[in-house]
Every structure is written in C-alpha cells, then in structure tokens.
C-alpha cells in the first residue's frame, strides 16, 4: 500500500457518517458541478490530477475518496480494496457527494455531471440510476461490467469511452451494457486497451494520443449537457 498523503480537502455527510473528498474549483471561482469517480487504485495522484484538469476546464470537480485515504499501485491489493467496498455503500457515499456538490455556491449547474474510470465507470452508472435528475450527464471510461447489469433507470445522456482491445471488459460486452441505458447513449470505441487514459501506465496500456482524443471528447460532452 502506498503511503502518499490522502487527497482530502473537504468533508460531507454520507451514509450516516462523514466522507472525504478532493475538491478543485476553477480559477474563475464557479462552474458546473462534476463528480470524478476513482479507479480501483483509489484516490491516487492520477485521479487528483484529472480532477484538477477538469477544474482548469471550468468545472467544480469533486473526487470522493471511496477508500478512506488508502491507495495502491498493486493489482492484488486494488482488487482487495474494491472487494471490500460493496456497490450499495459506494453509491450511498457518492449520493452524499452529489448532495454536497449541488449545495455549494460555486456550482452553477442544476445537476452534476459524473465521470468514472474502470471501477468508477460502473459506479457512475449506478449513481445515475439512483440519483435521477440530480445527474445531468455521465461519461464512462472503460467501465468494468459483468454483462448482466441493467441501467434502464439511467435517463441522463451517457458517453461510453471503450477500449477496443480491453482485456477486462470486451468492447462488445461494454456496448451491450451501455445500450441498456434509457437516455441518449454514445459509445465510442478507441483503438486501445483497458485504462488507456491513465498516464501512470500501471497496466502498460497508456496511449497518449488516444487519451488526448478521449479527454477532448469527454470535456465537450460534459460541457454540452451541463448548463452553468
């Protein structure tokens, strides 16, 4: 387990207790709200950097710390951390993050966007299914799906960014799951493997060119659907 200082600069009520997260605000001081959901590694340097990047694009971005400050770069430990986090607990905590973000003065949008990576992609859709109109757009980067998920309760627009060579969730499986969403869905298949956006390159699949293109597409999508 890594010993980095946790990226925690805000707290919010969640699941009958207190949760932590990392909040980044644009230089202009306000913007649409965005929830950034971590991969199975935790709220790492990479996720904090992505949150900061979204803030530079004009979003008030909040990354909830679902592992309570724990992070890892070891796949075995990451699997253990993920397995210790029941999906229902994660969604409850994320719902608290949505409530918190929408209550903040700098947030100009009436609903938040949600972007999730890997494990976070699955959680993003679970959150949208539960939160209803509080979620205005969902961007999913190579979500880890089993194939039997039913996201018909999701009515917000969804952008699915899928790796054509994803060894964890094959592109056809991801497309089939994402197309069960009731709202508008745009599935984009990139010529890359799982986690191709993660520049820490823990799986050896990082692709700078594809990551740059996916980033631009996600930012444009979120701007289009989040008024504020």
Foldseek 3Di string as FASTA:
>chain_A
DDDDFFQFDDWFDFPNRIWTKHWDAAPVQAAAEEEEEEALQWCDPQVNVVNNVVNPLGYGYIYTGQQRRGGDLDPVVSVVSVVVRPLVRLLRRVVRVLVVRCPDPRHDFQAYEYEYAACGLVSQLVNQLPVPPNYAEYEYEAYQDPQPDASCSRAHEYEYEHECAEPRQHPVSVVNRQVNHNHHYHYDYDPWYGPLLRPVCSVVTPDVVRNVVVVVVVSVRRPVGTDD
